[in-house]
Amino acid sequence: MALYTQPGVSVETWVEMTHTVPMHFEACALNDNATLHFGQSSEYVLTLGRDNLRQLLDLATQAIAELDSAVVREEADDDPARAAGPQRATLPG
């Protein structure tokens, strides 16, 4: 997703986290959304509505299944999954 777009210019960003990043959430029933906080001092914050939270959960579940199957393939095939590169999935919406 572009942070800034003008004709011929697009500024984009991404966030990478290690497994040790603290996380917590705040749920707001009034607005039917939740705010996910990542990092010791909430360095990265993501606010999502209920439907987008479900999409994120579905996408994360697919990613975990792919990682799990890659481990099984890796053990069985002497690491061909790494040669195939990263796998990507997109949910409709």
C-alpha atoms as a PDB file:
ATOM      1  CA  MET A   1       0.000   0.000   0.000  1.00  0.00           C
ATOM      2  CA  ALA A   2       1.410   3.357  -0.958  1.00  0.00           C
ATOM      3  CA  LEU A   3       1.845   5.942   1.775  1.00  0.00           C
ATOM      4  CA  TYR A   4       2.091   8.738  -0.746  1.00  0.00           C
ATOM      5  CA  THR A   5       1.248   8.691  -4.437  1.00  0.00           C
ATOM      6  CA  GLN A   6       1.609  11.305  -7.134  1.00  0.00           C
ATOM      7  CA  PRO A   7       1.933  10.764 -10.878  1.00  0.00           C
ATOM      8  CA  GLY A   8       5.159   8.799 -11.298  1.00  0.00           C
ATOM      9  CA  VAL A   9       5.988   8.730  -7.566  1.00  0.00           C
ATOM     10  CA  SER A  10       4.983   6.164  -4.972  1.00  0.00           C
ATOM     11  CA  VAL A  11       6.392   5.994  -1.434  1.00  0.00           C
ATOM     12  CA  GLU A  12       5.859   2.665   0.298  1.00  0.00           C
ATOM     13  CA  THR A  13       6.930   1.074   3.556  1.00  0.00           C
ATOM     14  CA  TRP A  14       6.819  -2.239   5.398  1.00  0.00           C
ATOM     15  CA  VAL A  15       7.420  -3.439   8.910  1.00  0.00           C
ATOM     16  CA  GLU A  16       9.466  -6.493   9.851  1.00  0.00           C
ATOM     17  CA  MET A  17       9.351  -7.927  13.358  1.00  0.00           C
ATOM     18  CA  THR A  18      11.355 -10.568  15.170  1.00  0.00           C
ATOM     19  CA  HIS A  19       9.656 -13.179  17.292  1.00  0.00           C
ATOM     20  CA  THR A  20      10.456 -11.234  20.461  1.00  0.00           C
ATOM     21  CA  VAL A  21       8.426  -8.105  19.701  1.00  0.00           C
ATOM     22  CA  PRO A  22       5.921  -7.321  22.473  1.00  0.00           C
ATOM     23  CA  MET A  23       2.326  -7.052  21.274  1.00  0.00           C
ATOM     24  CA  HIS A  24      -0.991  -6.084  22.817  1.00  0.00           C
ATOM     25  CA  PHE A  25      -4.393  -4.862  21.669  1.00  0.00           C
ATOM     26  CA  GLU A  26      -7.164  -2.505  22.659  1.00  0.00           C
ATOM     27  CA  ALA A  27     -10.726  -3.332  21.579  1.00  0.00           C
ATOM     28  CA  CYS A  28     -13.366  -0.647  21.075  1.00  0.00           C
ATOM     29  CA  ALA A  29     -16.905  -2.042  21.001  1.00  0.00           C
ATOM     30  CA  LEU A  30     -18.330   1.409  20.236  1.00  0.00           C
ATOM     31  CA  ASN A  31     -16.381   1.660  16.962  1.00  0.00           C
ATOM     32  CA  ASP A  32     -16.359  -2.113  16.337  1.00  0.00           C
ATOM     33  CA  ASN A  33     -12.581  -2.137  15.881  1.00  0.00           C
ATOM     34  CA  ALA A  34      -9.370  -3.105  17.608  1.00  0.00           C
ATOM     35  CA  THR A  35      -6.010  -1.413  17.755  1.00  0.00           C
ATOM     36  CA  LEU A  36      -3.011  -3.737  17.643  1.00  0.00           C
ATOM     37  CA  HIS A  37       0.191  -2.404  19.219  1.00  0.00           C
ATOM     38  CA  PHE A  38       3.622  -3.775  18.306  1.00  0.00           C
ATOM     39  CA  GLY A  39       6.875  -2.909  20.043  1.00  0.00           C
ATOM     40  CA  GLN A  40       7.858  -1.946  23.575  1.00  0.00           C
ATOM     41  CA  SER A  41       6.474   1.574  23.171  1.00  0.00           C
ATOM     42  CA  SER A  42       3.878   0.859  20.483  1.00  0.00           C
ATOM     43  CA  GLU A  43       6.268   1.806  17.682  1.00  0.00           C
ATOM     44  CA  TYR A  44       3.869   0.296  15.137  1.00  0.00           C
ATOM     45  CA  VAL A  45       0.099   0.576  15.584  1.00  0.00           C
ATOM     46  CA  LEU A  46      -2.602  -0.913  13.375  1.00  0.00           C
ATOM     47  CA  THR A  47      -6.317  -0.214  13.804  1.00  0.00           C
ATOM     48  CA  LEU A  48      -8.696  -2.617  12.066  1.00  0.00           C
ATOM     49  CA  GLY A  49     -12.434  -3.121  11.983  1.00  0.00           C
ATOM     50  CA  ARG A  50     -13.999  -6.483  12.764  1.00  0.00           C
ATOM     51  CA  ASP A  51     -14.133  -7.631   9.104  1.00  0.00           C
ATOM     52  CA  ASN A  52     -10.512  -6.676   8.472  1.00  0.00           C
ATOM     53  CA  LEU A  53      -9.463  -8.457  11.670  1.00  0.00           C
ATOM     54  CA  ARG A  54     -11.117 -11.611  10.342  1.00  0.00           C
ATOM     55  CA  GLN A  55      -9.301 -11.192   7.015  1.00  0.00           C
ATOM     56  CA  LEU A  56      -5.991 -10.724   8.835  1.00  0.00           C
ATOM     57  CA  LEU A  57      -6.645 -13.862  10.887  1.00  0.00           C
ATOM     58  CA  ASP A  58      -7.495 -15.861   7.746  1.00  0.00           C
ATOM     59  CA  LEU A  59      -4.385 -14.611   5.958  1.00  0.00           C
ATOM     60  CA  ALA A  60      -2.171 -15.336   8.970  1.00  0.00           C
ATOM     61  CA  THR A  61      -3.651 -18.834   9.249  1.00  0.00           C
ATOM     62  CA  GLN A  62      -2.836 -19.474   5.578  1.00  0.00           C
ATOM     63  CA  ALA A  63       0.711 -18.165   6.089  1.00  0.00           C
ATOM     64  CA  ILE A  64       1.257 -20.440   9.115  1.00  0.00           C
ATOM     65  CA  ALA A  65      -0.034 -23.434   7.149  1.00  0.00           C
ATOM     66  CA  GLU A  66       2.354 -22.607   4.296  1.00  0.00           C
ATOM     67  CA  LEU A  67       5.294 -22.268   6.697  1.00  0.00           C
ATOM     68  CA  ASP A  68       4.374 -25.565   8.357  1.00  0.00           C
ATOM     69  CA  SER A  69       4.139 -27.342   5.005  1.00  0.00           C
ATOM     70  CA  ALA A  70       7.471 -25.821   3.929  1.00  0.00           C
ATOM     71  CA  VAL A  71       9.107 -27.316   7.022  1.00  0.00           C
ATOM     72  CA  VAL A  72       7.688 -30.726   6.154  1.00  0.00           C
ATOM     73  CA  ARG A  73       8.856 -30.377   2.525  1.00  0.00           C
ATOM     74  CA  GLU A  74      12.255 -29.203   3.703  1.00  0.00           C
ATOM     75  CA  GLU A  75      12.679 -32.244   5.913  1.00  0.00           C
ATOM     76  CA  ALA A  76      11.513 -34.573   3.129  1.00  0.00           C
ATOM     77  CA  ASP A  77      13.226 -32.992   0.126  1.00  0.00           C
ATOM     78  CA  ASP A  78      16.487 -31.608   1.511  1.00  0.00           C
ATOM     79  CA  ASP A  79      15.393 -27.948   1.399  1.00  0.00           C
ATOM     80  CA  PRO A  80      13.707 -27.329  -2.013  1.00  0.00           C
ATOM     81  CA  ALA A  81      11.223 -24.910  -0.403  1.00  0.00           C
ATOM     82  CA  ARG A  82      13.941 -22.304   0.098  1.00  0.00           C
ATOM     83  CA  ALA A  83      14.875 -22.460  -3.563  1.00  0.00           C
ATOM     84  CA  ALA A  84      11.271 -21.682  -4.527  1.00  0.00           C
ATOM     85  CA  GLY A  85      11.367 -18.323  -2.736  1.00  0.00           C
ATOM     86  CA  PRO A  86       8.699 -16.665  -0.614  1.00  0.00           C
ATOM     87  CA  GLN A  87       5.080 -17.680  -0.985  1.00  0.00           C
ATOM     88  CA  ARG A  88       2.338 -15.046  -1.100  1.00  0.00           C
ATOM     89  CA  ALA A  89      -1.418 -15.162  -0.679  1.00  0.00           C
ATOM     90  CA  THR A  90      -4.035 -12.452  -0.997  1.00  0.00           C
ATOM     91  CA  LEU A  91      -7.546 -12.547   0.370  1.00  0.00           C
ATOM     92  CA  PRO A  92     -10.376 -10.889  -1.531  1.00  0.00           C
ATOM     93  CA  GLY A  93     -11.549  -7.593  -0.142  1.00  0.00           C
END
